[in-house]
Protein backbone atom coordinates (compact mmCIF):
# COMPACT_ATOMS: atom_id res chain seq x y z
CA MET A 1 0.55 4.07 2.82
CA ASN A 2 1.89 3.46 6.33
CA LYS A 3 -1.65 3.40 7.68
CA LEU A 4 -2.51 0.97 4.92
CA LEU A 5 0.03 -1.62 6.10
CA VAL A 6 -0.97 -1.30 9.74
CA PHE A 7 -4.62 -1.71 8.84
CA ILE A 8 -4.04 -4.71 6.56
CA PHE A 9 -2.10 -6.63 9.15
CA SER A 10 -4.44 -5.62 11.96
CA SER A 11 -7.21 -7.06 9.84
CA VAL A 12 -5.28 -10.30 9.44
CA LEU A 13 -5.00 -10.66 13.19
CA LEU A 14 -8.48 -9.55 14.11
CA ALA A 15 -10.66 -10.65 11.23
CA SER A 16 -13.57 -12.77 12.38
CA CYS A 17 -15.58 -12.91 9.16
CA HIS A 18 -15.49 -15.80 6.73
CA SER A 19 -13.01 -14.77 4.09
CA VAL A 20 -12.76 -16.21 0.62
CA ASN A 21 -9.45 -17.97 0.09
CA TYR A 22 -7.71 -18.25 -3.24
CA ALA A 23 -5.65 -21.17 -4.52
CA ASP A 24 -2.90 -18.78 -5.70
CA PRO A 25 -1.69 -15.28 -4.81
CA GLN A 26 -3.75 -12.79 -6.78
CA PRO A 27 -3.76 -11.71 -9.50
CA VAL A 28 -2.30 -14.85 -11.06
CA PHE A 29 0.47 -14.49 -13.64
CA TRP A 30 1.17 -10.92 -12.55
CA PRO A 31 4.64 -9.91 -11.32
CA SER A 32 5.13 -9.35 -7.63
CA VAL A 33 6.95 -6.43 -6.07
CA PRO A 34 10.39 -7.76 -5.03
CA SER A 35 10.70 -5.69 -1.85
CA PHE A 36 8.82 -3.17 0.23
CA PRO A 37 9.43 0.39 -0.93
CA LYS A 38 11.91 2.24 1.29
CA GLN A 39 9.25 4.73 2.44
CA LEU A 40 7.21 1.84 3.94
CA GLN A 41 10.07 0.22 5.83
CA GLY A 42 10.18 0.85 9.57
CA SER A 43 8.32 0.22 12.83
CA TYR A 44 4.66 0.98 13.40
CA PRO A 45 2.44 0.85 16.48
CA LEU A 46 0.03 -2.08 16.52
CA MET A 47 -2.30 -3.39 19.21
CA GLY A 48 -0.77 -1.34 22.01
CA MET A 49 2.86 -2.05 21.11
CA GLN A 50 5.01 0.83 19.88
CA ASP A 51 6.79 -1.39 17.36
CA GLY A 52 4.13 -4.08 16.97
CA LEU A 53 4.55 -4.10 13.19
CA VAL A 54 8.04 -4.04 11.71
CA VAL A 55 8.41 -3.77 7.94
CA GLY A 56 11.80 -4.64 6.53
CA LYS A 57 12.96 -4.85 2.95
CA GLN A 58 11.74 -8.45 2.57
CA THR A 59 9.80 -9.22 5.78
CA ILE A 60 7.02 -8.12 8.04
CA THR A 61 7.06 -9.08 11.70
CA ILE A 62 3.94 -8.75 13.82
CA LYS A 63 4.37 -8.48 17.58
CA GLU A 64 7.76 -10.25 17.39
CA ASP A 65 6.07 -13.64 17.04
CA ARG A 66 4.59 -13.75 13.54
CA ALA A 67 6.79 -13.14 10.56
CA TYR A 68 5.90 -13.07 6.88
CA THR A 69 8.48 -13.11 4.11
CA LEU A 70 8.01 -11.68 0.64
CA GLY A 71 8.12 -14.42 -1.93
CA GLU A 72 7.24 -17.14 0.57
CA ASP A 73 4.09 -16.55 2.63
CA LEU A 74 3.54 -12.91 1.64
CA ILE A 75 3.14 -11.60 -1.89
CA LEU A 76 2.85 -7.90 -2.72
CA LYS A 77 1.64 -6.82 -6.16
CA ARG A 78 0.64 -3.58 -7.84
CA TYR A 79 -2.36 -4.16 -10.12
CA GLN A 80 -4.87 -1.82 -11.79
CA GLY A 81 -3.94 1.00 -9.39
CA TYR A 82 -4.35 -1.21 -6.28
CA TRP A 83 -1.86 -2.69 -3.86
CA ILE A 84 -2.70 -6.39 -3.62
CA VAL A 85 -1.44 -8.31 -0.58
CA SER A 86 -1.73 -12.12 -0.56
CA ILE A 87 -0.99 -13.89 2.72
CA LYS A 88 -0.59 -17.66 2.89
CA LYS A 89 -2.87 -19.23 5.46
CA GLU A 90 -1.12 -21.25 8.15
CA GLU A 91 -3.33 -24.29 7.64
CA ASN A 92 -2.17 -24.39 4.01
CA GLN A 93 -5.72 -23.57 2.93
CA GLY A 94 -4.83 -21.11 0.21
CA TRP A 95 -4.25 -17.37 0.35
CA GLU A 96 -6.18 -14.51 1.94
CA VAL A 97 -6.13 -11.54 -0.38
CA TYR A 98 -6.44 -7.88 0.58
CA ALA A 99 -6.62 -4.94 -1.81
CA ALA A 100 -6.11 -1.22 -1.16
CA ASP A 101 -7.06 1.52 -3.56
CA LYS A 102 -5.42 4.92 -4.02
CA ASN A 103 -7.70 6.38 -1.34
CA ASN A 104 -6.48 3.76 1.16
CA GLY A 105 -9.78 1.92 1.12
CA ILE A 106 -9.02 -1.68 2.06
CA LYS A 107 -11.13 -4.64 1.08
CA LYS A 108 -11.00 -8.39 1.24
CA THR A 109 -13.44 -10.84 -0.27
CA ALA A 110 -15.62 -11.98 2.60
CA LEU A 111 -19.06 -13.49 2.36
CA ARG A 112 -21.36 -15.43 4.64
CA LYS A 113 -21.23 -19.13 3.97
CA ASN A 114 -24.77 -19.11 2.56
CA GLU A 115 -23.77 -16.33 0.11
CA MET A 116 -20.78 -18.02 -1.50
CA PHE A 117 -22.90 -18.85 -4.57
CA LYS A 118 -22.82 -15.13 -5.42
CA LEU A 119 -19.25 -15.52 -6.67
CA ASN A 120 -20.43 -18.15 -9.15
CA GLU A 121 -23.07 -15.74 -10.42
CA LEU A 122 -20.65 -12.80 -10.66
CA LEU A 123 -18.11 -14.81 -12.64
CA GLY A 124 -20.61 -16.70 -14.77
CA ARG A 125 -19.26 -20.14 -13.91
CA GLU A 126 -18.92 -22.41 -10.92
CA VAL A 127 -15.83 -21.46 -8.92
CA VAL A 128 -16.97 -22.27 -5.37
CA PHE A 129 -16.52 -25.91 -4.37
CA TYR A 130 -16.73 -27.59 -0.95
CA ASN A 131 -14.80 -30.38 0.75
CA SER A 132 -16.31 -33.30 2.69
CA GLU A 133 -16.59 -31.13 5.83
CA ASP A 134 -18.68 -28.58 3.87
CA GLU A 135 -15.89 -25.98 3.93
CA ALA A 136 -15.27 -23.85 0.86
CA LEU A 137 -12.10 -24.83 -1.02
CA PRO A 138 -9.69 -22.10 -2.19
CA LEU A 139 -10.89 -20.47 -5.41
CA LYS A 140 -9.09 -21.29 -8.63
CA ILE A 141 -9.78 -18.25 -10.77
CA LYS A 142 -8.28 -16.40 -13.68
CA ARG A 143 -6.83 -12.89 -13.56
CA ARG A 144 -9.80 -11.36 -15.39
CA GLU A 145 -12.13 -12.99 -12.84
CA PHE A 146 -10.14 -11.50 -9.99
CA LYS A 147 -10.43 -8.15 -11.76
CA LYS A 148 -14.24 -8.52 -11.72
CA ILE A 149 -14.23 -9.24 -7.99
CA LEU A 150 -11.90 -6.30 -7.36
CA LYS A 151 -14.05 -3.97 -9.41
CA ALA A 152 -17.24 -5.12 -7.69
CA HIS A 153 -15.80 -4.41 -4.25
CA PHE A 154 -14.32 -1.01 -4.97
CA GLU A 155 -17.16 0.37 -7.01
CA GLY A 156 -19.58 -0.49 -4.24
CA VAL A 157 -21.35 -3.11 -6.32
CA GLU A 158 -22.79 -5.79 -4.10
CA ILE A 159 -21.76 -9.25 -5.22
CA LYS A 160 -25.03 -10.86 -6.21
């Protein structure tokens, strides 16, 4: 699980792909975990720093200059056997959502801009909308729709 946290937050810092943002932490209407489990709390090496990632009871600090707080800009949930981490985007453009399965496989919904329509097809309704600058707006989806996306990613089903 320690490797899981390091990888998730490394991905947040280094991700260059176009990720799908959600209007709400996922899954919606599901209880969040109130604090990080004791076995996850501590310091971890990240990007060449011995204690580049510090996990406290309620916070995560990355390289002493980026801090996330549970219940504010970081939501941790346990859902369908996965750890779901929702991180509020700084530009207030929704939430990036990461999921880790029991085998520590980590996924996030990321598609090329010209493939965003695949989410509409997977969910059977139009969920992808664009603003005036042709940027995808955060998805407003239901819990069962998130479950479909989660299942598609972890079972190796390509979103078509």
